[in-house]
All heavy atoms as atom14 arrays in JSON, in Angstrom:
{
  "sequence": "NYADSVKGRFTISRDDAKDMVYLQMNSLKPEDTAVYYCNN",
  "atom14_mask": [
    [1, 1, 1, 1, 1, 1, 1, 1, 0, 0, 0, 0, 0, 0],
    [1, 1, 1, 1, 1, 1, 1, 1, 1, 1, 1, 1, 0, 0],
    [1, 1, 1, 1, 1, 0, 0, 0, 0, 0, 0, 0, 0, 0],
    [1, 1, 1, 1, 1, 1, 1, 1, 0, 0, 0, 0, 0, 0],
    [1, 1, 1, 1, 1, 1, 0, 0, 0, 0, 0, 0, 0, 0],
    [1, 1, 1, 1, 1, 1, 1, 0, 0, 0, 0, 0, 0, 0],
    [1, 1, 1, 1, 1, 1, 1, 1, 1, 0, 0, 0, 0, 0],
    [1, 1, 1, 1, 0, 0, 0, 0, 0, 0, 0, 0, 0, 0],
    [1, 1, 1, 1, 1, 1, 1, 1, 1, 1, 1, 0, 0, 0],
    [1, 1, 1, 1, 1, 1, 1, 1, 1, 1, 1, 0, 0, 0],
    [1, 1, 1, 1, 1, 1, 1, 0, 0, 0, 0, 0, 0, 0],
    [1, 1, 1, 1, 1, 1, 1, 1, 0, 0, 0, 0, 0, 0],
    [1, 1, 1, 1, 1, 1, 0, 0, 0, 0, 0, 0, 0, 0],
    [1, 1, 1, 1, 1, 1, 1, 1, 1, 1, 1, 0, 0, 0],
    [1, 1, 1, 1, 1, 1, 1, 1, 0, 0, 0, 0, 0, 0],
    [1, 1, 1, 1, 1, 1, 1, 1, 0, 0, 0, 0, 0, 0],
    [1, 1, 1, 1, 1, 0, 0, 0, 0, 0, 0, 0, 0, 0],
    [1, 1, 1, 1, 1, 1, 1, 1, 1, 0, 0, 0, 0, 0],
    [1, 1, 1, 1, 1, 1, 1, 1, 0, 0, 0, 0, 0, 0],
    [1, 1, 1, 1, 1, 1, 1, 1, 0, 0, 0, 0, 0, 0],
    [1, 1, 1, 1, 1, 1, 1, 0, 0, 0, 0, 0, 0, 0],
    [1, 1, 1, 1, 1, 1, 1, 1, 1, 1, 1, 1, 0, 0],
    [1, 1, 1, 1, 1, 1, 1, 1, 0, 0, 0, 0, 0, 0],
    [1, 1, 1, 1, 1, 1, 1, 1, 1, 0, 0, 0, 0, 0],
    [1, 1, 1, 1, 1, 1, 1, 1, 0, 0, 0, 0, 0, 0],
    [1, 1, 1, 1, 1, 1, 1, 1, 0, 0, 0, 0, 0, 0],
    [1, 1, 1, 1, 1, 1, 0, 0, 0, 0, 0, 0, 0, 0],
    [1, 1, 1, 1, 1, 1, 1, 1, 0, 0, 0, 0, 0, 0],
    [1, 1, 1, 1, 1, 1, 1, 1, 1, 0, 0, 0, 0, 0],
    [1, 1, 1, 1, 1, 1, 1, 0, 0, 0, 0, 0, 0, 0],
    [1, 1, 1, 1, 1, 1, 1, 1, 1, 0, 0, 0, 0, 0],
    [1, 1, 1, 1, 1, 1, 1, 1, 0, 0, 0, 0, 0, 0],
    [1, 1, 1, 1, 1, 1, 1, 0, 0, 0, 0, 0, 0, 0],
    [1, 1, 1, 1, 1, 0, 0, 0, 0, 0, 0, 0, 0, 0],
    [1, 1, 1, 1, 1, 1, 1, 0, 0, 0, 0, 0, 0, 0],
    [1, 1, 1, 1, 1, 1, 1, 1, 1, 1, 1, 1, 0, 0],
    [1, 1, 1, 1, 1, 1, 1, 1, 1, 1, 1, 1, 0, 0],
    [1, 1, 1, 1, 1, 1, 0, 0, 0, 0, 0, 0, 0, 0],
    [1, 1, 1, 1, 1, 1, 1, 1, 0, 0, 0, 0, 0, 0],
    [1, 1, 1, 1, 1, 1, 1, 1, 0, 0, 0, 0, 0, 0]
  ],
  "atom14_positions": [
    [[8.67, 2.03, -4.65], [9.01, 3.24, -3.92], [7.88, 3.56, -2.96], [6.72, 3.26, -3.26], [9.21, 4.44, -4.87], [10.39, 4.26, -5.79], [10.23, 3.86, -6.92], [11.58, 4.55, -5.28], [0.0, 0.0, 0.0], [0.0, 0.0, 0.0], [0.0, 0.0, 0.0], [0.0, 0.0, 0.0], [0.0, 0.0, 0.0], [0.0, 0.0, 0.0]],
    [[8.24, 4.17, -1.83], [7.25, 4.47, -0.8], [7.42, 5.89, -0.28], [8.53, 6.43, -0.24], [7.41, 3.5, 0.37], [7.23, 2.06, -0.02], [8.32, 1.27, -0.39], [5.96, 1.48, -0.03], [8.15, -0.04, -0.77], [5.78, 0.16, -0.4], [6.88, -0.6, -0.78], [6.7, -1.9, -1.15], [0.0, 0.0, 0.0], [0.0, 0.0, 0.0]],
    [[6.3, 6.45, 0.14], [6.36, 7.71, 0.86], [7.04, 7.46, 2.21], [6.92, 6.38, 2.79], [4.95, 8.24, 1.08], [0.0, 0.0, 0.0], [0.0, 0.0, 0.0], [0.0, 0.0, 0.0], [0.0, 0.0, 0.0], [0.0, 0.0, 0.0], [0.0, 0.0, 0.0], [0.0, 0.0, 0.0], [0.0, 0.0, 0.0], [0.0, 0.0, 0.0]],
    [[7.74, 8.47, 2.69], [8.45, 8.32, 3.95], [7.52, 7.93, 5.09], [7.91, 7.19, 6.0], [9.18, 9.62, 4.31], [10.39, 9.87, 3.42], [10.86, 8.92, 2.76], [10.85, 11.02, 3.38], [0.0, 0.0, 0.0], [0.0, 0.0, 0.0], [0.0, 0.0, 0.0], [0.0, 0.0, 0.0], [0.0, 0.0, 0.0], [0.0, 0.0, 0.0]],
    [[6.29, 8.39, 5.03], [5.34, 8.15, 6.12], [4.94, 6.68, 6.25], [4.44, 6.27, 7.3], [4.09, 9.01, 5.93], [3.49, 8.73, 4.68], [0.0, 0.0, 0.0], [0.0, 0.0, 0.0], [0.0, 0.0, 0.0], [0.0, 0.0, 0.0], [0.0, 0.0, 0.0], [0.0, 0.0, 0.0], [0.0, 0.0, 0.0], [0.0, 0.0, 0.0]],
    [[5.15, 5.89, 5.19], [4.73, 4.49, 5.24], [5.88, 3.52, 5.05], [5.7, 2.3, 5.15], [3.63, 4.19, 4.19], [2.48, 5.18, 4.33], [4.2, 4.21, 2.78], [0.0, 0.0, 0.0], [0.0, 0.0, 0.0], [0.0, 0.0, 0.0], [0.0, 0.0, 0.0], [0.0, 0.0, 0.0], [0.0, 0.0, 0.0], [0.0, 0.0, 0.0]],
    [[7.05, 4.05, 4.78], [8.21, 3.21, 4.51], [8.48, 2.27, 5.68], [8.48, 2.7, 6.83], [9.43, 4.08, 4.22], [10.54, 3.41, 3.46], [11.58, 4.45, 3.04], [11.05, 5.41, 2.01], [12.09, 6.36, 1.54], [0.0, 0.0, 0.0], [0.0, 0.0, 0.0], [0.0, 0.0, 0.0], [0.0, 0.0, 0.0], [0.0, 0.0, 0.0]],
    [[8.69, 1.0, 5.39], [8.93, 0.01, 6.42], [7.67, -0.61, 7.0], [7.74, -1.6, 7.74], [0.0, 0.0, 0.0], [0.0, 0.0, 0.0], [0.0, 0.0, 0.0], [0.0, 0.0, 0.0], [0.0, 0.0, 0.0], [0.0, 0.0, 0.0], [0.0, 0.0, 0.0], [0.0, 0.0, 0.0], [0.0, 0.0, 0.0], [0.0, 0.0, 0.0]],
    [[6.52, -0.04, 6.69], [5.24, -0.56, 7.2], [4.34, -1.09, 6.09], [3.58, -2.03, 6.31], [4.5, 0.53, 7.97], [5.27, 1.09, 9.16], [4.4, 2.03, 9.99], [3.98, 3.21, 9.23], [2.7, 3.54, 9.03], [1.73, 2.77, 9.51], [2.39, 4.64, 8.36], [0.0, 0.0, 0.0], [0.0, 0.0, 0.0], [0.0, 0.0, 0.0]],
    [[4.4, -0.46, 4.93], [3.54, -0.85, 3.8], [4.38, -1.54, 2.74], [5.55, -1.2, 2.53], [2.89, 0.39, 3.17], [1.83, 1.05, 4.0], [1.63, 0.75, 5.34], [1.01, 2.02, 3.43], [0.65, 1.38, 6.09], [0.03, 2.66, 4.16], [-0.15, 2.34, 5.49], [0.0, 0.0, 0.0], [0.0, 0.0, 0.0], [0.0, 0.0, 0.0]],
    [[3.75, -2.49, 2.06], [4.41, -3.19, 0.95], [3.45, -3.28, -0.22], [2.35, -3.81, -0.08], [4.85, -4.6, 1.36], [5.72, -4.53, 2.5], [5.57, -5.28, 0.21], [0.0, 0.0, 0.0], [0.0, 0.0, 0.0], [0.0, 0.0, 0.0], [0.0, 0.0, 0.0], [0.0, 0.0, 0.0], [0.0, 0.0, 0.0], [0.0, 0.0, 0.0]],
    [[3.88, -2.77, -1.36], [3.09, -2.87, -2.58], [3.6, -4.07, -3.38], [4.8, -4.36, -3.41], [3.16, -1.57, -3.41], [2.19, -1.62, -4.58], [4.59, -1.27, -3.86], [2.07, -0.28, -5.32], [0.0, 0.0, 0.0], [0.0, 0.0, 0.0], [0.0, 0.0, 0.0], [0.0, 0.0, 0.0], [0.0, 0.0, 0.0], [0.0, 0.0, 0.0]],
    [[2.66, -4.78, -4.0], [3.04, -5.92, -4.83], [2.05, -6.04, -5.98], [0.99, -5.4, -5.96], [3.07, -7.21, -4.01], [1.79, -7.49, -3.46], [0.0, 0.0, 0.0], [0.0, 0.0, 0.0], [0.0, 0.0, 0.0], [0.0, 0.0, 0.0], [0.0, 0.0, 0.0], [0.0, 0.0, 0.0], [0.0, 0.0, 0.0], [0.0, 0.0, 0.0]],
    [[2.42, -6.83, -6.95], [1.55, -7.01, -8.12], [1.55, -8.45, -8.55], [2.53, -9.18, -8.35], [2.01, -6.1, -9.26], [3.4, -6.39, -9.78], [3.85, -5.29, -10.77], [2.97, -5.23, -11.93], [2.79, -4.12, -12.64], [3.41, -3.01, -12.32], [1.99, -4.16, -13.7], [0.0, 0.0, 0.0], [0.0, 0.0, 0.0], [0.0, 0.0, 0.0]],
    [[0.44, -8.87, -9.14], [0.32, -10.2, -9.72], [-0.11, -10.0, -11.17], [-1.29, -9.75, -11.45], [-0.71, -11.01, -8.94], [-0.8, -12.45, -9.42], [-0.44, -12.73, -10.58], [-1.24, -13.3, -8.63], [0.0, 0.0, 0.0], [0.0, 0.0, 0.0], [0.0, 0.0, 0.0], [0.0, 0.0, 0.0], [0.0, 0.0, 0.0], [0.0, 0.0, 0.0]],
    [[0.84, -10.1, -12.08], [0.55, -9.83, -13.48], [-0.35, -10.89, -14.09], [-1.04, -10.63, -15.08], [1.85, -9.73, -14.28], [2.63, -8.46, -13.97], [2.09, -7.58, -13.26], [3.79, -8.35, -14.41], [0.0, 0.0, 0.0], [0.0, 0.0, 0.0], [0.0, 0.0, 0.0], [0.0, 0.0, 0.0], [0.0, 0.0, 0.0], [0.0, 0.0, 0.0]],
    [[-0.36, -12.09, -13.52], [-1.23, -13.15, -14.04], [-2.69, -12.85, -13.74], [-3.58, -13.31, -14.46], [-0.83, -14.49, -13.45], [0.0, 0.0, 0.0], [0.0, 0.0, 0.0], [0.0, 0.0, 0.0], [0.0, 0.0, 0.0], [0.0, 0.0, 0.0], [0.0, 0.0, 0.0], [0.0, 0.0, 0.0], [0.0, 0.0, 0.0], [0.0, 0.0, 0.0]],
    [[-2.93, -12.1, -12.67], [-4.3, -11.8, -12.25], [-4.68, -10.34, -12.5], [-5.81, -9.95, -12.18], [-4.48, -12.12, -10.77], [-4.31, -13.59, -10.43], [-4.53, -13.84, -8.95], [-4.38, -15.32, -8.61], [-4.57, -15.58, -7.16], [0.0, 0.0, 0.0], [0.0, 0.0, 0.0], [0.0, 0.0, 0.0], [0.0, 0.0, 0.0], [0.0, 0.0, 0.0]],
    [[-3.75, -9.54, -13.01], [-3.99, -8.11, -13.22], [-4.41, -7.43, -11.9], [-5.36, -6.63, -11.88], [-5.06, -7.88, -14.29], [-4.6, -8.3, -15.67], [-3.41, -8.62, -15.83], [-5.43, -8.31, -16.6], [0.0, 0.0, 0.0], [0.0, 0.0, 0.0], [0.0, 0.0, 0.0], [0.0, 0.0, 0.0], [0.0, 0.0, 0.0], [0.0, 0.0, 0.0]],
    [[-3.69, -7.77, -10.84], [-4.03, -7.27, -9.52], [-2.83, -6.55, -8.92], [-1.68, -6.93, -9.13], [-4.42, -8.41, -8.57], [-5.64, -9.19, -8.97], [-7.19, -8.35, -8.56], [-7.13, -8.42, -6.77], [0.0, 0.0, 0.0], [0.0, 0.0, 0.0], [0.0, 0.0, 0.0], [0.0, 0.0, 0.0], [0.0, 0.0, 0.0], [0.0, 0.0, 0.0]],
    [[-3.13, -5.54, -8.11], [-2.1, -4.88, -7.32], [-2.57, -4.86, -5.87], [-3.78, -4.73, -5.61], [-1.77, -3.47, -7.86], [-2.98, -2.56, -7.82], [-0.59, -2.86, -7.12], [0.0, 0.0, 0.0], [0.0, 0.0, 0.0], [0.0, 0.0, 0.0], [0.0, 0.0, 0.0], [0.0, 0.0, 0.0], [0.0, 0.0, 0.0], [0.0, 0.0, 0.0]],
    [[-1.64, -5.01, -4.95], [-1.97, -5.14, -3.54], [-1.18, -4.13, -2.71], [-0.13, -3.65, -3.11], [-1.62, -6.55, -3.04], [-2.24, -7.65, -3.84], [-1.53, -8.3, -4.85], [-3.55, -8.06, -3.6], [-2.1, -9.31, -5.6], [-4.13, -9.07, -4.34], [-3.4, -9.7, -5.35], [-3.97, -10.7, -6.09], [0.0, 0.0, 0.0], [0.0, 0.0, 0.0]],
    [[-1.73, -3.84, -1.54], [-1.01, -3.02, -0.57], [-1.16, -3.69, 0.79], [-2.25, -3.69, 1.37], [-1.54, -1.6, -0.53], [-0.74, -0.63, 0.34], [0.66, -0.39, -0.26], [-1.47, 0.7, 0.5], [0.0, 0.0, 0.0], [0.0, 0.0, 0.0], [0.0, 0.0, 0.0], [0.0, 0.0, 0.0], [0.0, 0.0, 0.0], [0.0, 0.0, 0.0]],
    [[-0.08, -4.26, 1.28], [-0.05, -4.82, 2.62], [0.33, -3.72, 3.59], [1.38, -3.09, 3.44], [0.96, -5.97, 2.71], [1.1, -6.58, 4.1], [-0.16, -7.31, 4.54], [-0.76, -8.05, 3.76], [-0.56, -7.11, 5.79], [0.0, 0.0, 0.0], [0.0, 0.0, 0.0], [0.0, 0.0, 0.0], [0.0, 0.0, 0.0], [0.0, 0.0, 0.0]],
    [[-0.52, -3.47, 4.55], [-0.32, -2.39, 5.51], [-0.19, -2.96, 6.91], [-1.14, -3.57, 7.41], [-1.48, -1.4, 5.45], [-1.76, -0.87, 4.04], [-3.0, 0.44, 4.01], [-4.43, -0.44, 4.59], [0.0, 0.0, 0.0], [0.0, 0.0, 0.0], [0.0, 0.0, 0.0], [0.0, 0.0, 0.0], [0.0, 0.0, 0.0], [0.0, 0.0, 0.0]],
    [[0.97, -2.81, 7.5], [1.23, -3.29, 8.85], [1.49, -2.13, 9.79], [1.74, -1.0, 9.35], [2.44, -4.23, 8.83], [2.25, -5.45, 7.97], [1.14, -5.97, 7.83], [3.34, -5.94, 7.39], [0.0, 0.0, 0.0], [0.0, 0.0, 0.0], [0.0, 0.0, 0.0], [0.0, 0.0, 0.0], [0.0, 0.0, 0.0], [0.0, 0.0, 0.0]],
    [[1.43, -2.41, 11.07], [1.7, -1.38, 12.09], [0.91, -0.11, 11.81], [1.46, 1.0, 11.83], [3.2, -1.08, 12.16], [3.94, -2.25, 12.42], [0.0, 0.0, 0.0], [0.0, 0.0, 0.0], [0.0, 0.0, 0.0], [0.0, 0.0, 0.0], [0.0, 0.0, 0.0], [0.0, 0.0, 0.0], [0.0, 0.0, 0.0], [0.0, 0.0, 0.0]],
    [[-0.35, -0.28, 11.55], [-1.19, 0.87, 11.17], [-1.32, 1.87, 12.3], [-1.35, 1.5, 13.49], [-2.56, 0.38, 10.71], [-2.58, -0.2, 9.3], [-3.82, -1.05, 9.08], [-2.5, 0.91, 8.27], [0.0, 0.0, 0.0], [0.0, 0.0, 0.0], [0.0, 0.0, 0.0], [0.0, 0.0, 0.0], [0.0, 0.0, 0.0], [0.0, 0.0, 0.0]],
    [[-1.39, 3.13, 11.91], [-1.51, 4.24, 12.84], [-2.79, 5.01, 12.55], [-3.28, 4.99, 11.4], [-0.31, 5.18, 12.68], [1.04, 4.51, 12.82], [2.16, 5.51, 12.53], [3.53, 4.85, 12.63], [4.63, 5.81, 12.33], [0.0, 0.0, 0.0], [0.0, 0.0, 0.0], [0.0, 0.0, 0.0], [0.0, 0.0, 0.0], [0.0, 0.0, 0.0]],
    [[-3.31, 5.73, 13.52], [-4.51, 6.54, 13.26], [-4.32, 7.5, 12.08], [-5.28, 7.75, 11.33], [-4.71, 7.29, 14.57], [-4.15, 6.35, 15.6], [-2.96, 5.73, 14.94], [0.0, 0.0, 0.0], [0.0, 0.0, 0.0], [0.0, 0.0, 0.0], [0.0, 0.0, 0.0], [0.0, 0.0, 0.0], [0.0, 0.0, 0.0], [0.0, 0.0, 0.0]],
    [[-3.13, 8.0, 11.87], [-2.9, 8.92, 10.76], [-2.91, 8.23, 9.39], [-2.84, 8.91, 8.36], [-1.57, 9.68, 10.95], [-0.38, 8.81, 11.25], [-0.07, 8.71, 12.73], [-1.03, 8.54, 13.54], [1.12, 8.78, 13.1], [0.0, 0.0, 0.0], [0.0, 0.0, 0.0], [0.0, 0.0, 0.0], [0.0, 0.0, 0.0], [0.0, 0.0, 0.0]],
    [[-3.03, 6.91, 9.37], [-3.21, 6.19, 8.11], [-4.67, 6.17, 7.67], [-4.97, 5.69, 6.56], [-2.7, 4.75, 8.24], [-1.2, 4.66, 8.46], [-0.45, 5.43, 7.83], [-0.78, 3.83, 9.29], [0.0, 0.0, 0.0], [0.0, 0.0, 0.0], [0.0, 0.0, 0.0], [0.0, 0.0, 0.0], [0.0, 0.0, 0.0], [0.0, 0.0, 0.0]],
    [[-5.55, 6.66, 8.51], [-6.96, 6.71, 8.17], [-7.18, 7.56, 6.93], [-6.77, 8.72, 6.87], [-7.77, 7.28, 9.35], [-7.7, 6.36, 10.45], [-9.23, 7.49, 8.96], [0.0, 0.0, 0.0], [0.0, 0.0, 0.0], [0.0, 0.0, 0.0], [0.0, 0.0, 0.0], [0.0, 0.0, 0.0], [0.0, 0.0, 0.0], [0.0, 0.0, 0.0]],
    [[-7.82, 6.96, 5.93], [-8.02, 7.64, 4.65], [-8.81, 6.73, 3.72], [-9.01, 5.54, 4.03], [-6.68, 7.99, 4.0], [0.0, 0.0, 0.0], [0.0, 0.0, 0.0], [0.0, 0.0, 0.0], [0.0, 0.0, 0.0], [0.0, 0.0, 0.0], [0.0, 0.0, 0.0], [0.0, 0.0, 0.0], [0.0, 0.0, 0.0], [0.0, 0.0, 0.0]],
    [[-9.21, 7.28, 2.6], [-9.71, 6.46, 1.5], [-8.51, 6.15, 0.62], [-7.75, 7.06, 0.24], [-10.8, 7.17, 0.7], [-11.27, 6.29, -0.46], [-11.98, 7.52, 1.6], [0.0, 0.0, 0.0], [0.0, 0.0, 0.0], [0.0, 0.0, 0.0], [0.0, 0.0, 0.0], [0.0, 0.0, 0.0], [0.0, 0.0, 0.0], [0.0, 0.0, 0.0]],
    [[-8.34, 4.87, 0.31], [-7.2, 4.43, -0.48], [-7.64, 4.07, -1.9], [-8.67, 3.41, -2.1], [-6.55, 3.21, 0.19], [-5.73, 3.58, 1.4], [-6.34, 3.98, 2.59], [-4.33, 3.55, 1.36], [-5.58, 4.33, 3.7], [-3.57, 3.9, 2.46], [-4.2, 4.29, 3.62], [-3.44, 4.65, 4.72], [0.0, 0.0, 0.0], [0.0, 0.0, 0.0]],
    [[-6.85, 4.54, -2.84], [-7.15, 4.34, -4.26], [-5.95, 3.72, -4.96], [-4.8, 4.12, -4.7], [-7.43, 5.67, -4.95], [-8.55, 6.49, -4.38], [-8.34, 7.38, -3.33], [-9.84, 6.39, -4.91], [-9.36, 8.15, -2.81], [-10.88, 7.16, -4.4], [-10.62, 8.03, -3.35], [-11.65, 8.79, -2.84], [0.0, 0.0, 0.0], [0.0, 0.0, 0.0]],
    [[-6.21, 2.8, -5.88], [-5.12, 2.38, -6.75], [-5.2, 3.2, -8.04], [-6.25, 3.79, -8.36], [-5.16, 0.89, -7.04], [-6.53, 0.34, -8.06], [0.0, 0.0, 0.0], [0.0, 0.0, 0.0], [0.0, 0.0, 0.0], [0.0, 0.0, 0.0], [0.0, 0.0, 0.0], [0.0, 0.0, 0.0], [0.0, 0.0, 0.0], [0.0, 0.0, 0.0]],
    [[-4.11, 3.26, -8.74], [-4.04, 4.1, -9.93], [-3.03, 3.53, -10.91], [-1.96, 3.08, -10.49], [-3.65, 5.53, -9.52], [-3.62, 6.49, -10.67], [-2.57, 6.86, -11.18], [-4.81, 6.93, -11.1], [0.0, 0.0, 0.0], [0.0, 0.0, 0.0], [0.0, 0.0, 0.0], [0.0, 0.0, 0.0], [0.0, 0.0, 0.0], [0.0, 0.0, 0.0]],
    [[-3.38, 3.58, -12.17], [-2.45, 3.25, -13.23], [-1.62, 4.5, -13.49], [-2.13, 5.5, -14.0], [-3.23, 2.83, -14.48], [-2.33, 2.46, -15.63], [-1.23, 3.0, -15.78], [-2.78, 1.56, -16.47], [0.0, 0.0, 0.0], [0.0, 0.0, 0.0], [0.0, 0.0, 0.0], [0.0, 0.0, 0.0], [0.0, 0.0, 0.0], [0.0, 0.0, 0.0]]
  ]
}
C-alpha cells in the first residue's frame, strides 16, 4: 500500500532471505525531501 503522494512513483519490496526491505523511488520531486525511516 502507498500514500497517494507517492503512488505510481515509489515501490516497496522485501527480501525475506536477507531480512531486507527496500524502497525504490522514481520521478523524485522536491517535496520528497525528508529523512526516510523503515519500521517494523
